[in-house]
Amino acid sequence: MPARIIITDRTVWGLVQGAKDYKVFDQALPGFHVRVSPIGLKTYALFYRTREGQQRSLGLGRAYDVKADEARRQAGLALAAAKAGGDPVAARKDRRFISTVTDLYEDYLEKHAKVRKKPNSVKGDEILWRLHLKPCLGDKRVTDVNLRDLDGFMARMSHRKGSANRAMALLSKMMSLAVAWDLRLDNPCKRVQRYPENRKERFLKASEAMRVRAALDIDHDRGAATALMLLLLTGARRGEVLNARWEQFDLDPDLPLW
C-alpha cells in the first residue's frame, strides 16, 4: 500500500482494503491521514503533538460523510490550534455536554438571544429553529456539521429562499458562538452561498409621511430625528446624510438649501 499520497476524494476512493488496518499519510499536511479498515471503511484523522510533547489522534470523519478537502481544512485548523498551544482532542472531550445542534441552540437561546435580543427577535429565532433548522440539523453533532449538510439544507429550502437565508443567518450566529465557546474549530456557515433576494421598494403615502414627520417632531433624540427628516424630505442616501457637515447647508428660513 502507498505510504504517502496527495489525499483527495479520488485518491482515497482508489485505496483498497487489506488484511488489516493501514494508514496512508498526506504528502503536504503533516499528520493528516486516512485509515482503511479490512472491510473498506475509510476514516480521516490527524496525528499531532501537544505543547507537552504528547501525541494525539483526532478523528475527522468517514470518507463517506466528509469530503477530502473538508477533512484537510479541519486538520489544518486543528494543527494550527495545536501549534498555538491548544489541544483539540482534549477540547472535544471537555465539550461533550454540548453534543448536538439542539443542545447548542438551547445554550444560544438562554445565554445569548434572551439576554441580548428583543422579545420579537427571540420569537423569530424560535420559529426559524422549530420549523426549519431543528427538523434538518437538530440531531447532528455540532462538530459533525459540514458544508455538505448546509448546502443540502439550502437546497431543500429553495422554495422559501428568504426563510432559508434567515435560518442560515441564525445558524451562523450559533456556530460563531460554538467557535467562541471552543465547541468547534470553525463556522461552516460562512462558506454557504445565500440566495439572492429581491429588494422590495414602497413609497410612503402622504398620510404615512405626515405620521412619520409628527413622530420625528416629538422624538427626544434630535440628532437622529433630524437625520431621518433629511432622508424623508430630500431622498438623499443614508451615508450622505450621516456624513453631512453644517457648512454644506444654507439655513435661510425662506429657502433653505443643502
Foldseek 3Di string as FASTA:
>chain_A
DAQEDQDFLVVLVVDDADPAKDWHYYPPDAQWIWIAGNVGWIWIWGWDAAPVGDIDIGTQGTVVQDGRVQSVVQNVLQNVCRVVRDHLVVLQVVPVVQFFVLSLVVCCLPVPPVVPHDPVVSVVLVVLCVPQVCVQGGGHTLASDALVSLQVSCVVCVVPQVSNVVSLVSLQVSNVVCCVVSVGRDRRSVVDDGDDDDDDDDDDDPVRLVVLLVVLVPDPPVVVSVLVVCCSPPVDDSVCSVPDDPVQWDPDVVDIDD
